[in-house]
C-alpha cells in the first residue's frame, strides 16, 4: 500500500519508514506505528509517523 496517503495509515500497522539520517541512503527501518505526525491528507515523500520504539520517519511501505 501507499505510504503517501494518511487514510491508509493507522496506529498498530507494521510499516517500513525512512529515518531523517537515512534519507540519502534510502535505508528502511521496520516498526509498528504509534502516532501519525503529518496532519495533511497526503504527502509526496510519505506520511511522517512515530514508531512504538520512538523513531520518527516517513512511511515508504505498509507491510500489514
C-alpha atoms as a PDB file:
ATOM      1  CA  UNK A   1       0.000   0.000   0.000  1.00  0.00           C
ATOM      2  CA  UNK A   2       0.926   3.608  -0.465  1.00  0.00           C
ATOM      3  CA  UNK A   3       2.581   5.457   2.446  1.00  0.00           C
ATOM      4  CA  UNK A   4       1.720   8.851   0.916  1.00  0.00           C
ATOM      5  CA  UNK A   5      -1.979   8.732   1.906  1.00  0.00           C
ATOM      6  CA  UNK A   6      -2.805   9.453   5.558  1.00  0.00           C
ATOM      7  CA  UNK A   7      -6.039   7.419   5.299  1.00  0.00           C
ATOM      8  CA  UNK A   8      -4.001   4.224   4.667  1.00  0.00           C
ATOM      9  CA  UNK A   9      -2.038   4.530   7.916  1.00  0.00           C
ATOM     10  CA  UNK A  10      -3.378   3.566  11.342  1.00  0.00           C
ATOM     11  CA  UNK A  11      -1.689   3.003  14.714  1.00  0.00           C
ATOM     12  CA  UNK A  12      -0.709  -0.654  15.074  1.00  0.00           C
ATOM     13  CA  UNK A  13       0.219  -1.172  11.404  1.00  0.00           C
ATOM     14  CA  UNK A  14       3.570  -2.737  10.530  1.00  0.00           C
ATOM     15  CA  UNK A  15       5.427  -0.327   8.215  1.00  0.00           C
ATOM     16  CA  UNK A  16       8.808   0.467   6.700  1.00  0.00           C
ATOM     17  CA  UNK A  17       9.976   4.050   7.198  1.00  0.00           C
ATOM     18  CA  UNK A  18      12.986   6.071   6.132  1.00  0.00           C
ATOM     19  CA  UNK A  19      14.586   7.949   9.024  1.00  0.00           C
ATOM     20  CA  UNK A  20      15.895  11.524   8.591  1.00  0.00           C
ATOM     21  CA  UNK A  21      19.502  10.278   8.860  1.00  0.00           C
ATOM     22  CA  UNK A  22      18.835   7.618   6.193  1.00  0.00           C
ATOM     23  CA  UNK A  23      17.215   9.867   3.569  1.00  0.00           C
ATOM     24  CA  UNK A  24      20.411   9.960   1.464  1.00  0.00           C
ATOM     25  CA  UNK A  25      20.969   6.181   1.546  1.00  0.00           C
ATOM     26  CA  UNK A  26      17.301   5.151   1.497  1.00  0.00           C
ATOM     27  CA  UNK A  27      17.799   2.571   4.282  1.00  0.00           C
ATOM     28  CA  UNK A  28      14.422   1.407   5.577  1.00  0.00           C
ATOM     29  CA  UNK A  29      13.518   0.735   9.209  1.00  0.00           C
ATOM     30  CA  UNK A  30      10.666  -1.615  10.142  1.00  0.00           C
ATOM     31  CA  UNK A  31       8.345  -0.989  13.033  1.00  0.00           C
ATOM     32  CA  UNK A  32       4.813  -0.569  14.327  1.00  0.00           C
ATOM     33  CA  UNK A  33       3.074   2.822  14.043  1.00  0.00           C
ATOM     34  CA  UNK A  34       2.370   4.520  17.385  1.00  0.00           C
ATOM     35  CA  UNK A  35       1.468   8.092  16.286  1.00  0.00           C
ATOM     36  CA  UNK A  36       0.749   9.802  12.965  1.00  0.00           C
ATOM     37  CA  UNK A  37       2.588  13.145  12.883  1.00  0.00           C
ATOM     38  CA  UNK A  38       1.535  14.517   9.474  1.00  0.00           C
ATOM     39  CA  UNK A  39      -1.744  16.462   9.574  1.00  0.00           C
ATOM     40  CA  UNK A  40      -2.370  16.762   5.821  1.00  0.00           C
ATOM     41  CA  UNK A  41      -4.305  14.076   3.903  1.00  0.00           C
ATOM     42  CA  UNK A  42      -1.282  13.192   1.775  1.00  0.00           C
ATOM     43  CA  UNK A  43       2.398  13.999   1.425  1.00  0.00           C
ATOM     44  CA  UNK A  44       4.623  13.338  -1.621  1.00  0.00           C
ATOM     45  CA  UNK A  45       7.527  11.972   0.491  1.00  0.00           C
ATOM     46  CA  UNK A  46       5.359   9.825   2.760  1.00  0.00           C
ATOM     47  CA  UNK A  47       3.337  10.408   5.917  1.00  0.00           C
ATOM     48  CA  UNK A  48       5.524  11.112   8.954  1.00  0.00           C
ATOM     49  CA  UNK A  49       4.961   8.697  11.854  1.00  0.00           C
ATOM     50  CA  UNK A  50       6.431   7.797  15.231  1.00  0.00           C
ATOM     51  CA  UNK A  51       7.080   4.093  15.772  1.00  0.00           C
ATOM     52  CA  UNK A  52       6.459   2.311  19.077  1.00  0.00           C
ATOM     53  CA  UNK A  53      10.222   2.371  19.753  1.00  0.00           C
ATOM     54  CA  UNK A  54      10.244   6.190  19.396  1.00  0.00           C
ATOM     55  CA  UNK A  55      11.875   6.501  15.970  1.00  0.00           C
ATOM     56  CA  UNK A  56      10.377   9.088  13.600  1.00  0.00           C
ATOM     57  CA  UNK A  57      10.354   8.864   9.818  1.00  0.00           C
ATOM     58  CA  UNK A  58       8.286   8.876   6.653  1.00  0.00           C
ATOM     59  CA  UNK A  59       6.324   5.780   5.601  1.00  0.00           C
ATOM     60  CA  UNK A  60       7.609   4.131   2.423  1.00  0.00           C
ATOM     61  CA  UNK A  61       5.808   0.757   2.604  1.00  0.00           C
ATOM     62  CA  UNK A  62       2.858  -0.621   4.568  1.00  0.00           C
ATOM     63  CA  UNK A  63       3.505  -4.272   5.433  1.00  0.00           C
ATOM     64  CA  UNK A  64       0.276  -5.336   7.145  1.00  0.00           C
END
